[in-house]
Amino acid sequence: VSTIKAVYFDFDGVISTGEVWTDQSGVESVCCSRRDSLGLT
């Protein structure tokens, strides 16, 4: 705890795969991992 003070992540390509899906309405979706969520918790 006394060593590492902070962690900052980029989003695209780190939290997400860097890929994006766009539907016919222009709404974008990305792919992320639920295991990452548990790790942060």
PDB file of all heavy atoms in Angstrom:
ATOM      1  N   VAL A   1       0.826  -1.206   0.000  1.00  0.00           N
ATOM      2  CA  VAL A   1       0.000   0.000   0.000  1.00  0.00           C
ATOM      3  C   VAL A   1       0.861   1.256   0.000  1.00  0.00           C
ATOM      4  O   VAL A   1       0.552   2.229  -0.660  1.00  0.00           O
ATOM      5  CB  VAL A   1      -0.943  -0.005   1.225  1.00  0.00           C
ATOM      6  CG1 VAL A   1      -1.613   1.347   1.375  1.00  0.00           C
ATOM      7  CG2 VAL A   1      -1.993  -1.088   1.069  1.00  0.00           C
ATOM      8  N   SER A   2       1.963   1.238   0.726  1.00  0.00           N
ATOM      9  CA  SER A   2       2.798   2.424   0.848  1.00  0.00           C
ATOM     10  C   SER A   2       3.682   2.651  -0.376  1.00  0.00           C
ATOM     11  O   SER A   2       4.327   3.666  -0.491  1.00  0.00           O
ATOM     12  CB  SER A   2       3.683   2.321   2.095  1.00  0.00           C
ATOM     13  OG  SER A   2       4.578   1.243   1.979  1.00  0.00           O
ATOM     14  N   THR A   3       3.686   1.694  -1.312  1.00  0.00           N
ATOM     15  CA  THR A   3       4.529   1.846  -2.489  1.00  0.00           C
ATOM     16  C   THR A   3       3.785   2.434  -3.675  1.00  0.00           C
ATOM     17  O   THR A   3       4.043   3.557  -4.066  1.00  0.00           O
ATOM     18  CB  THR A   3       5.082   0.480  -2.932  1.00  0.00           C
ATOM     19  OG1 THR A   3       4.779  -0.505  -1.997  1.00  0.00           O
ATOM     20  CG2 THR A   3       6.526   0.505  -3.139  1.00  0.00           C
ATOM     21  N   ILE A   4       2.858   1.682  -4.247  1.00  0.00           N
ATOM     22  CA  ILE A   4       2.113   2.157  -5.413  1.00  0.00           C
ATOM     23  C   ILE A   4       1.003   3.100  -4.953  1.00  0.00           C
ATOM     24  O   ILE A   4       0.184   2.751  -4.118  1.00  0.00           O
ATOM     25  CB  ILE A   4       1.502   0.977  -6.200  1.00  0.00           C
ATOM     26  CG1 ILE A   4       2.575  -0.071  -6.532  1.00  0.00           C
ATOM     27  CG2 ILE A   4       0.817   1.500  -7.466  1.00  0.00           C
ATOM     28  CD1 ILE A   4       3.732   0.463  -7.340  1.00  0.00           C
ATOM     29  N   LYS A   5       0.990   4.291  -5.520  1.00  0.00           N
ATOM     30  CA  LYS A   5       0.018   5.305  -5.105  1.00  0.00           C
ATOM     31  C   LYS A   5      -1.204   5.376  -6.016  1.00  0.00           C
ATOM     32  O   LYS A   5      -2.292   5.732  -5.560  1.00  0.00           O
ATOM     33  CB  LYS A   5       0.683   6.686  -5.062  1.00  0.00           C
ATOM     34  CG  LYS A   5       1.914   6.757  -4.175  1.00  0.00           C
ATOM     35  CD  LYS A   5       1.589   6.419  -2.732  1.00  0.00           C
ATOM     36  CE  LYS A   5       2.827   6.558  -1.853  1.00  0.00           C
ATOM     37  NZ  LYS A   5       2.572   6.143  -0.457  1.00  0.00           N
ATOM     38  N   ALA A   6      -1.011   5.076  -7.304  1.00  0.00           N
ATOM     39  CA  ALA A   6      -2.116   5.237  -8.250  1.00  0.00           C
ATOM     40  C   ALA A   6      -1.897   4.376  -9.488  1.00  0.00           C
ATOM     41  O   ALA A   6      -0.766   4.024  -9.830  1.00  0.00           O
ATOM     42  CB  ALA A   6      -2.255   6.703  -8.662  1.00  0.00           C
ATOM     43  N   VAL A   7      -3.007   4.044 -10.159  1.00  0.00           N
ATOM     44  CA  VAL A   7      -2.966   3.322 -11.431  1.00  0.00           C
ATOM     45  C   VAL A   7      -3.935   4.007 -12.391  1.00  0.00           C
ATOM     46  O   VAL A   7      -5.113   4.201 -12.062  1.00  0.00           O
ATOM     47  CB  VAL A   7      -3.381   1.840 -11.276  1.00  0.00           C
ATOM     48  CG1 VAL A   7      -3.217   1.108 -12.612  1.00  0.00           C
ATOM     49  CG2 VAL A   7      -2.573   1.151 -10.190  1.00  0.00           C
ATOM     50  N   TYR A   8      -3.431   4.355 -13.575  1.00  0.00           N
ATOM     51  CA  TYR A   8      -4.267   4.973 -14.596  1.00  0.00           C
ATOM     52  C   TYR A   8      -4.212   4.123 -15.865  1.00  0.00           C
ATOM     53  O   TYR A   8      -3.145   3.687 -16.295  1.00  0.00           O
ATOM     54  CB  TYR A   8      -3.809   6.400 -14.885  1.00  0.00           C
ATOM     55  CG  TYR A   8      -4.019   7.315 -13.702  1.00  0.00           C
ATOM     56  CD1 TYR A   8      -2.954   7.678 -12.881  1.00  0.00           C
ATOM     57  CD2 TYR A   8      -5.295   7.784 -13.383  1.00  0.00           C
ATOM     58  CE1 TYR A   8      -3.150   8.486 -11.768  1.00  0.00           C
ATOM     59  CE2 TYR A   8      -5.502   8.598 -12.275  1.00  0.00           C
ATOM     60  CZ  TYR A   8      -4.429   8.944 -11.480  1.00  0.00           C
ATOM     61  OH  TYR A   8      -4.627   9.740 -10.371  1.00  0.00           O
ATOM     62  N   PHE A   9      -5.399   3.898 -16.437  1.00  0.00           N
ATOM     63  CA  PHE A   9      -5.538   3.057 -17.631  1.00  0.00           C
ATOM     64  C   PHE A   9      -5.985   3.887 -18.820  1.00  0.00           C
ATOM     65  O   PHE A   9      -6.791   4.814 -18.672  1.00  0.00           O
ATOM     66  CB  PHE A   9      -6.605   1.976 -17.403  1.00  0.00           C
ATOM     67  CG  PHE A   9      -6.379   1.089 -16.211  1.00  0.00           C
ATOM     68  CD1 PHE A   9      -6.953   1.396 -14.980  1.00  0.00           C
ATOM     69  CD2 PHE A   9      -5.616  -0.067 -16.322  1.00  0.00           C
ATOM     70  CE1 PHE A   9      -6.771   0.570 -13.877  1.00  0.00           C
ATOM     71  CE2 PHE A   9      -5.427  -0.902 -15.219  1.00  0.00           C
ATOM     72  CZ  PHE A   9      -6.001  -0.582 -14.002  1.00  0.00           C
ATOM     73  N   ASP A  10      -5.482   3.541 -19.993  1.00  0.00           N
ATOM     74  CA  ASP A  10      -6.120   3.976 -21.227  1.00  0.00           C
ATOM     75  C   ASP A  10      -7.377   3.118 -21.373  1.00  0.00           C
ATOM     76  O   ASP A  10      -7.498   2.067 -20.732  1.00  0.00           O
ATOM     77  CB  ASP A  10      -5.165   3.761 -22.400  1.00  0.00           C
ATOM     78  CG  ASP A  10      -5.768   4.179 -23.721  1.00  0.00           C
ATOM     79  OD1 ASP A  10      -6.584   5.129 -23.734  1.00  0.00           O
ATOM     80  OD2 ASP A  10      -5.441   3.560 -24.747  1.00  0.00           O
ATOM     81  N   PHE A  11      -8.328   3.546 -22.197  1.00  0.00           N
ATOM     82  CA  PHE A  11      -9.551   2.746 -22.359  1.00  0.00           C
ATOM     83  C   PHE A  11      -9.453   1.817 -23.566  1.00  0.00           C
ATOM     84  O   PHE A  11      -9.396   0.604 -23.410  1.00  0.00           O
ATOM     85  CB  PHE A  11     -10.788   3.647 -22.486  1.00  0.00           C
ATOM     86  CG  PHE A  11     -12.066   2.864 -22.481  1.00  0.00           C
ATOM     87  CD1 PHE A  11     -12.677   2.538 -21.285  1.00  0.00           C
ATOM     88  CD2 PHE A  11     -12.652   2.436 -23.673  1.00  0.00           C
ATOM     89  CE1 PHE A  11     -13.850   1.780 -21.261  1.00  0.00           C
ATOM     90  CE2 PHE A  11     -13.815   1.686 -23.669  1.00  0.00           C
ATOM     91  CZ  PHE A  11     -14.422   1.358 -22.461  1.00  0.00           C
ATOM     92  N   ASP A  12      -9.432   2.399 -24.773  1.00  0.00           N
ATOM     93  CA  ASP A  12      -9.395   1.573 -25.978  1.00  0.00           C
ATOM     94  C   ASP A  12      -8.100   0.771 -26.050  1.00  0.00           C
ATOM     95  O   ASP A  12      -6.997   1.332 -26.011  1.00  0.00           O
ATOM     96  CB  ASP A  12      -9.519   2.449 -27.233  1.00  0.00           C
ATOM     97  CG  ASP A  12     -10.921   3.003 -27.416  1.00  0.00           C
ATOM     98  OD1 ASP A  12     -11.870   2.314 -27.015  1.00  0.00           O
ATOM     99  OD2 ASP A  12     -11.059   4.121 -27.937  1.00  0.00           O
ATOM    100  N   GLY A  13      -8.236  -0.542 -26.135  1.00  0.00           N
ATOM    101  CA  GLY A  13      -7.058  -1.395 -26.243  1.00  0.00           C
ATOM    102  C   GLY A  13      -6.489  -1.829 -24.910  1.00  0.00           C
ATOM    103  O   GLY A  13      -5.548  -2.624 -24.870  1.00  0.00           O
ATOM    104  N   VAL A  14      -7.048  -1.315 -23.818  1.00  0.00           N
ATOM    105  CA  VAL A  14      -6.613  -1.731 -22.474  1.00  0.00           C
ATOM    106  C   VAL A  14      -7.810  -2.279 -21.698  1.00  0.00           C
ATOM    107  O   VAL A  14      -7.869  -3.468 -21.382  1.00  0.00           O
ATOM    108  CB  VAL A  14      -5.956  -0.574 -21.699  1.00  0.00           C
ATOM    109  CG1 VAL A  14      -5.607  -1.014 -20.278  1.00  0.00           C
ATOM    110  CG2 VAL A  14      -4.684  -0.123 -22.416  1.00  0.00           C
ATOM    111  N   ILE A  15      -8.773  -1.411 -21.405  1.00  0.00           N
ATOM    112  CA  ILE A  15     -10.007  -1.878 -20.773  1.00  0.00           C
ATOM    113  C   ILE A  15     -10.888  -2.577 -21.807  1.00  0.00           C
ATOM    114  O   ILE A  15     -11.531  -3.588 -21.516  1.00  0.00           O
ATOM    115  CB  ILE A  15     -10.750  -0.711 -20.109  1.00  0.00           C
ATOM    116  CG1 ILE A  15      -9.933  -0.188 -18.920  1.00  0.00           C
ATOM    117  CG2 ILE A  15     -12.144  -1.138 -19.646  1.00  0.00           C
ATOM    118  CD1 ILE A  15     -10.539   0.991 -18.213  1.00  0.00           C
ATOM    119  N   SER A  16     -10.912  -2.045 -23.019  1.00  0.00           N
ATOM    120  CA  SER A  16     -11.629  -2.708 -24.116  1.00  0.00           C
ATOM    121  C   SER A  16     -10.620  -3.394 -25.039  1.00  0.00           C
ATOM    122  O   SER A  16      -9.407  -3.190 -24.919  1.00  0.00           O
ATOM    123  CB  SER A  16     -12.450  -1.694 -24.916  1.00  0.00           C
ATOM    124  OG  SER A  16     -11.614  -0.965 -25.803  1.00  0.00           O
ATOM    125  N   THR A  17     -11.139  -4.179 -25.969  1.00  0.00           N
ATOM    126  CA  THR A  17     -10.251  -4.861 -26.923  1.00  0.00           C
ATOM    127  C   THR A  17      -9.695  -3.909 -27.967  1.00  0.00           C
ATOM    128  O   THR A  17      -8.763  -4.257 -28.699  1.00  0.00           O
ATOM    129  CB  THR A  17     -11.017  -5.976 -27.652  1.00  0.00           C
ATOM    130  OG1 THR A  17     -12.117  -5.390 -28.375  1.00  0.00           O
ATOM    131  CG2 THR A  17     -11.534  -7.021 -26.672  1.00  0.00           C
ATOM    132  N   GLY A  18     -10.268  -2.716 -28.054  1.00  0.00           N
ATOM    133  CA  GLY A  18      -9.865  -1.771 -29.089  1.00  0.00           C
ATOM    134  C   GLY A  18     -10.741  -1.877 -30.323  1.00  0.00           C
ATOM    135  O   GLY A  18     -10.645  -1.064 -31.243  1.00  0.00           O
ATOM    136  N   GLU A  19     -11.620  -2.883 -30.335  1.00  0.00           N
ATOM    137  CA  GLU A  19     -12.552  -3.046 -31.451  1.00  0.00           C
ATOM    138  C   GLU A  19     -13.847  -2.290 -31.137  1.00  0.00           C
ATOM    139  O   GLU A  19     -14.152  -2.015 -29.982  1.00  0.00           O
ATOM    140  CB  GLU A  19     -12.872  -4.523 -31.655  1.00  0.00           C
ATOM    141  CG  GLU A  19     -11.643  -5.371 -31.951  1.00  0.00           C
ATOM    142  CD  GLU A  19     -11.938  -6.856 -31.846  1.00  0.00           C
ATOM    143  OE1 GLU A  19     -12.281  -7.306 -30.729  1.00  0.00           O
ATOM    144  OE2 GLU A  19     -11.832  -7.544 -32.883  1.00  0.00           O
ATOM    145  N   VAL A  20     -14.599  -1.983 -32.186  1.00  0.00           N
ATOM    146  CA  VAL A  20     -15.877  -1.291 -31.989  1.00  0.00           C
ATOM    147  C   VAL A  20     -16.894  -1.851 -32.971  1.00  0.00           C
ATOM    148  O   VAL A  20     -16.576  -2.140 -34.129  1.00  0.00           O
ATOM    149  CB  VAL A  20     -15.712   0.238 -32.164  1.00  0.00           C
ATOM    150  CG1 VAL A  20     -15.241   0.582 -33.568  1.00  0.00           C
ATOM    151  CG2 VAL A  20     -17.007   0.957 -31.830  1.00  0.00           C
ATOM    152  N   TRP A  21     -18.120  -2.030 -32.493  1.00  0.00           N
ATOM    153  CA  TRP A  21     -19.233  -2.483 -33.331  1.00  0.00           C
ATOM    154  C   TRP A  21     -20.224  -1.336 -33.446  1.00  0.00           C
ATOM    155  O   TRP A  21     -20.593  -0.718 -32.435  1.00  0.00           O
ATOM    156  CB  TRP A  21     -19.932  -3.692 -32.712  1.00  0.00           C
ATOM    157  CG  TRP A  21     -19.088  -4.927 -32.734  1.00  0.00           C
ATOM    158  CD1 TRP A  21     -19.037  -5.884 -33.704  1.00  0.00           C
ATOM    159  CD2 TRP A  21     -18.177  -5.336 -31.725  1.00  0.00           C
ATOM    160  NE1 TRP A  21     -18.143  -6.867 -33.363  1.00  0.00           N
ATOM    161  CE2 TRP A  21     -17.596  -6.561 -32.153  1.00  0.00           C
ATOM    162  CE3 TRP A  21     -17.766  -4.805 -30.497  1.00  0.00           C
ATOM    163  CZ2 TRP A  21     -16.651  -7.244 -31.397  1.00  0.00           C
ATOM    164  CZ3 TRP A  21     -16.823  -5.474 -29.742  1.00  0.00           C
ATOM    165  CH2 TRP A  21     -16.269  -6.691 -30.196  1.00  0.00           C
ATOM    166  N   THR A  22     -20.666  -1.040 -34.675  1.00  0.00           N
ATOM    167  CA  THR A  22     -21.605   0.053 -34.910  1.00  0.00           C
ATOM    168  C   THR A  22     -22.863  -0.501 -35.559  1.00  0.00           C
ATOM    169  O   THR A  22     -22.783  -1.180 -36.593  1.00  0.00           O
ATOM    170  CB  THR A  22     -20.985   1.126 -35.827  1.00  0.00           C
ATOM    171  OG1 THR A  22     -19.723   1.534 -35.300  1.00  0.00           O
ATOM    172  CG2 THR A  22     -21.894   2.329 -35.954  1.00  0.00           C
ATOM    173  N   ASP A  23     -24.033  -0.215 -34.961  1.00  0.00           N
ATOM    174  CA  ASP A  23     -25.275  -0.706 -35.556  1.00  0.00           C
ATOM    175  C   ASP A  23     -25.786   0.286 -36.596  1.00  0.00           C
ATOM    176  O   ASP A  23     -25.154   1.322 -36.861  1.00  0.00           O
ATOM    177  CB  ASP A  23     -26.325  -0.991 -34.475  1.00  0.00           C
ATOM    178  CG  ASP A  23     -26.829   0.270 -33.769  1.00  0.00           C
ATOM    179  OD1 ASP A  23     -26.586   1.394 -34.273  1.00  0.00           O
ATOM    180  OD2 ASP A  23     -27.478   0.131 -32.711  1.00  0.00           O
ATOM    181  N   GLN A  24     -26.941  -0.031 -37.196  1.00  0.00           N
ATOM    182  CA  GLN A  24     -27.466   0.784 -38.290  1.00  0.00           C
ATOM    183  C   GLN A  24     -27.865   2.189 -37.851  1.00  0.00           C
ATOM    184  O   GLN A  24     -28.011   3.095 -38.677  1.00  0.00           O
ATOM    185  CB  GLN A  24     -28.673   0.089 -38.948  1.00  0.00           C
ATOM    186  CG  GLN A  24     -29.893  -0.068 -38.054  1.00  0.00           C
ATOM    187  CD  GLN A  24     -29.843  -1.344 -37.233  1.00  0.00           C
ATOM    188  OE1 GLN A  24     -28.778  -1.918 -37.040  1.00  0.00           O
ATOM    189  NE2 GLN A  24     -31.020  -1.790 -36.775  1.00  0.00           N
ATOM    190  N   SER A  25     -28.002   2.377 -36.528  1.00  0.00           N
ATOM    191  CA  SER A  25     -28.358   3.702 -36.004  1.00  0.00           C
ATOM    192  C   SER A  25     -27.124   4.509 -35.602  1.00  0.00           C
ATOM    193  O   SER A  25     -27.237   5.633 -35.128  1.00  0.00           O
ATOM    194  CB  SER A  25     -29.289   3.561 -34.794  1.00  0.00           C
ATOM    195  OG  SER A  25     -30.464   2.858 -35.148  1.00  0.00           O
ATOM    196  N   GLY A  26     -25.958   3.919 -35.785  1.00  0.00           N
ATOM    197  CA  GLY A  26     -24.725   4.611 -35.431  1.00  0.00           C
ATOM    198  C   GLY A  26     -24.319   4.440 -33.986  1.00  0.00           C
ATOM    199  O   GLY A  26     -23.360   5.075 -33.522  1.00  0.00           O
ATOM    200  N   VAL A  27     -25.023   3.580 -33.243  1.00  0.00           N
ATOM    201  CA  VAL A  27     -24.691   3.332 -31.840  1.00  0.00           C
ATOM    202  C   VAL A  27     -23.521   2.353 -31.760  1.00  0.00           C
ATOM    203  O   VAL A  27     -23.547   1.276 -32.375  1.00  0.00           O
ATOM    204  CB  VAL A  27     -25.907   2.757 -31.078  1.00  0.00           C
ATOM    205  CG1 VAL A  27     -25.525   2.454 -29.630  1.00  0.00           C
ATOM    206  CG2 VAL A  27     -27.070   3.736 -31.126  1.00  0.00           C
ATOM    207  N   GLU A  28     -22.501   2.739 -31.004  1.00  0.00           N
ATOM    208  CA  GLU A  28     -21.289   1.928 -30.908  1.00  0.00           C
ATOM    209  C   GLU A  28     -21.295   1.048 -29.657  1.00  0.00           C
ATOM    210  O   GLU A  28     -21.831   1.425 -28.611  1.00  0.00           O
ATOM    211  CB  GLU A  28     -20.047   2.820 -30.893  1.00  0.00           C
ATOM    212  CG  GLU A  28     -19.835   3.587 -32.191  1.00  0.00           C
ATOM    213  CD  GLU A  28     -18.534   4.365 -32.195  1.00  0.00           C
ATOM    214  OE1 GLU A  28     -17.874   4.436 -31.140  1.00  0.00           O
ATOM    215  OE2 GLU A  28     -18.178   4.921 -33.250  1.00  0.00           O
ATOM    216  N   SER A  29     -20.688  -0.125 -29.791  1.00  0.00           N
ATOM    217  CA  SER A  29     -20.500  -1.047 -28.670  1.00  0.00           C
ATOM    218  C   SER A  29     -19.048  -1.496 -28.635  1.00  0.00           C
ATOM    219  O   SER A  29     -18.376  -1.523 -29.672  1.00  0.00           O
ATOM    220  CB  SER A  29     -21.407  -2.281 -28.818  1.00  0.00           C
ATOM    221  OG  SER A  29     -22.766  -1.910 -28.888  1.00  0.00           O
ATOM    222  N   VAL A  30     -18.575  -1.803 -27.437  1.00  0.00           N
ATOM    223  CA  VAL A  30     -17.204  -2.294 -27.283  1.00  0.00           C
ATOM    224  C   VAL A  30     -17.216  -3.581 -26.471  1.00  0.00           C
ATOM    225  O   VAL A  30     -18.213  -3.912 -25.816  1.00  0.00           O
ATOM    226  CB  VAL A  30     -16.294  -1.257 -26.584  1.00  0.00           C
ATOM    227  CG1 VAL A  30     -16.177   0.009 -27.418  1.00  0.00           C
ATOM    228  CG2 VAL A  30     -16.805  -0.938 -25.187  1.00  0.00           C
ATOM    229  N   CYS A  31     -16.113  -4.302 -26.497  1.00  0.00           N
ATOM    230  CA  CYS A  31     -16.002  -5.566 -25.778  1.00  0.00           C
ATOM    231  C   CYS A  31     -15.005  -5.412 -24.622  1.00  0.00           C
ATOM    232  O   CYS A  31     -13.866  -4.985 -24.826  1.00  0.00           O
ATOM    233  CB  CYS A  31     -15.525  -6.668 -26.720  1.00  0.00           C
ATOM    234  SG  CYS A  31     -15.361  -8.283 -25.929  1.00  0.00           S
ATOM    235  N   CYS A  32     -15.457  -5.748 -23.413  1.00  0.00           N
ATOM    236  CA  CYS A  32     -14.611  -5.684 -22.220  1.00  0.00           C
ATOM    237  C   CYS A  32     -14.721  -7.002 -21.464  1.00  0.00           C
ATOM    238  O   CYS A  32     -15.566  -7.844 -21.787  1.00  0.00           O
ATOM    239  CB  CYS A  32     -15.038  -4.526 -21.316  1.00  0.00           C
ATOM    240  SG  CYS A  32     -15.049  -2.905 -22.133  1.00  0.00           S
ATOM    241  N   SER A  33     -13.904  -7.175 -20.458  1.00  0.00           N
ATOM    242  CA  SER A  33     -13.870  -8.424 -19.700  1.00  0.00           C
ATOM    243  C   SER A  33     -14.490  -8.260 -18.315  1.00  0.00           C
ATOM    244  O   SER A  33     -14.124  -7.352 -17.573  1.00  0.00           O
ATOM    245  CB  SER A  33     -12.427  -8.915 -19.561  1.00  0.00           C
ATOM    246  OG  SER A  33     -12.353 -10.032 -18.695  1.00  0.00           O
ATOM    247  N   ARG A  34     -15.398  -9.167 -17.951  1.00  0.00           N
ATOM    248  CA  ARG A  34     -15.957  -9.163 -16.604  1.00  0.00           C
ATOM    249  C   ARG A  34     -14.900  -9.561 -15.565  1.00  0.00           C
ATOM    250  O   ARG A  34     -15.021  -9.221 -14.393  1.00  0.00           O
ATOM    251  CB  ARG A  34     -17.160 -10.102 -16.527  1.00  0.00           C
ATOM    252  CG  ARG A  34     -18.373  -9.582 -17.286  1.00  0.00           C
ATOM    253  CD  ARG A  34     -19.610 -10.380 -16.939  1.00  0.00           C
ATOM    254  NE  ARG A  34     -20.774  -9.902 -17.676  1.00  0.00           N
ATOM    255  CZ  ARG A  34     -21.541  -8.899 -17.300  1.00  0.00           C
ATOM    256  NH1 ARG A  34     -21.251  -8.229 -16.191  1.00  0.00           N
ATOM    257  NH2 ARG A  34     -22.585  -8.532 -18.012  1.00  0.00           N
ATOM    258  N   ARG A  35     -13.893 -10.295 -15.990  1.00  0.00           N
ATOM    259  CA  ARG A  35     -12.818 -10.652 -15.064  1.00  0.00           C
ATOM    260  C   ARG A  35     -12.041  -9.405 -14.633  1.00  0.00           C
ATOM    261  O   ARG A  35     -11.567  -9.329 -13.497  1.00  0.00           O
ATOM    262  CB  ARG A  35     -11.878 -11.674 -15.712  1.00  0.00           C
ATOM    263  CG  ARG A  35     -12.524 -13.032 -15.910  1.00  0.00           C
ATOM    264  CD  ARG A  35     -11.535 -14.049 -16.442  1.00  0.00           C
ATOM    265  NE  ARG A  35     -12.168 -15.359 -16.568  1.00  0.00           N
ATOM    266  CZ  ARG A  35     -11.527 -16.454 -16.987  1.00  0.00           C
ATOM    267  NH1 ARG A  35     -10.250 -16.387 -17.318  1.00  0.00           N
ATOM    268  NH2 ARG A  35     -12.178 -17.598 -17.073  1.00  0.00           N
ATOM    269  N   ASP A  36     -11.932  -8.452 -15.533  1.00  0.00           N
ATOM    270  CA  ASP A  36     -11.309  -7.176 -15.161  1.00  0.00           C
ATOM    271  C   ASP A  36     -12.128  -6.504 -14.066  1.00  0.00           C
ATOM    272  O   ASP A  36     -11.582  -5.936 -13.115  1.00  0.00           O
ATOM    273  CB  ASP A  36     -11.227  -6.243 -16.377  1.00  0.00           C
ATOM    274  CG  ASP A  36     -10.236  -6.737 -17.428  1.00  0.00           C
ATOM    275  OD1 ASP A  36      -9.494  -7.699 -17.140  1.00  0.00           O
ATOM    276  OD2 ASP A  36     -10.211  -6.164 -18.523  1.00  0.00           O
ATOM    277  N   SER A  37     -13.446  -6.572 -14.195  1.00  0.00           N
ATOM    278  CA  SER A  37     -14.335  -5.944 -13.212  1.00  0.00           C
ATOM    279  C   SER A  37     -14.108  -6.528 -11.829  1.00  0.00           C
ATOM    280  O   SER A  37     -13.995  -5.796 -10.838  1.00  0.00           O
ATOM    281  CB  SER A  37     -15.801  -6.145 -13.622  1.00  0.00           C
ATOM    282  OG  SER A  37     -16.027  -5.685 -14.932  1.00  0.00           O
ATOM    283  N   LEU A  38     -14.049  -7.852 -11.752  1.00  0.00           N
ATOM    284  CA  LEU A  38     -13.833  -8.509 -10.467  1.00  0.00           C
ATOM    285  C   LEU A  38     -12.462  -8.152  -9.906  1.00  0.00           C
ATOM    286  O   LEU A  38     -12.306  -7.924  -8.700  1.00  0.00           O
ATOM    287  CB  LEU A  38     -13.963 -10.025 -10.620  1.00  0.00           C
ATOM    288  CG  LEU A  38     -13.746 -10.844  -9.343  1.00  0.00           C
ATOM    289  CD1 LEU A  38     -14.719 -10.427  -8.264  1.00  0.00           C
ATOM    290  CD2 LEU A  38     -13.867 -12.340  -9.641  1.00  0.00           C
ATOM    291  N   GLY A  39     -11.464  -8.062 -10.771  1.00  0.00           N
ATOM    292  CA  GLY A  39     -10.121  -7.702 -10.330  1.00  0.00           C
ATOM    293  C   GLY A  39     -10.083  -6.324  -9.691  1.00  0.00           C
ATOM    294  O   GLY A  39      -9.459  -6.119  -8.645  1.00  0.00           O
ATOM    295  N   LEU A  40     -10.768  -5.359 -10.298  1.00  0.00           N
ATOM    296  CA  LEU A  40     -10.815  -4.008  -9.745  1.00  0.00           C
ATOM    297  C   LEU A  40     -11.537  -3.986  -8.406  1.00  0.00           C
ATOM    298  O   LEU A  40     -11.147  -3.260  -7.492  1.00  0.00           O
ATOM    299  CB  LEU A  40     -11.504  -3.068 -10.732  1.00  0.00           C
ATOM    300  CG  LEU A  40     -10.696  -2.705 -11.987  1.00  0.00           C
ATOM    301  CD1 LEU A  40     -11.597  -2.038 -13.017  1.00  0.00           C
ATOM    302  CD2 LEU A  40      -9.515  -1.822 -11.643  1.00  0.00           C
ATOM    303  N   THR A  41     -12.592  -4.780  -8.290  1.00  0.00           N
ATOM    304  CA  THR A  41     -13.329  -4.856  -7.022  1.00  0.00           C
ATOM    305  C   THR A  41     -12.436  -5.394  -5.911  1.00  0.00           C
ATOM    306  O   THR A  41     -12.392  -4.841  -4.799  1.00  0.00           O
ATOM    307  CB  THR A  41     -14.571  -5.753  -7.175  1.00  0.00           C
ATOM    308  OG1 THR A  41     -15.446  -5.178  -8.151  1.00  0.00           O
ATOM    309  CG2 THR A  41     -15.313  -5.877  -5.846  1.00  0.00           C
TER     310      THR A  41
END
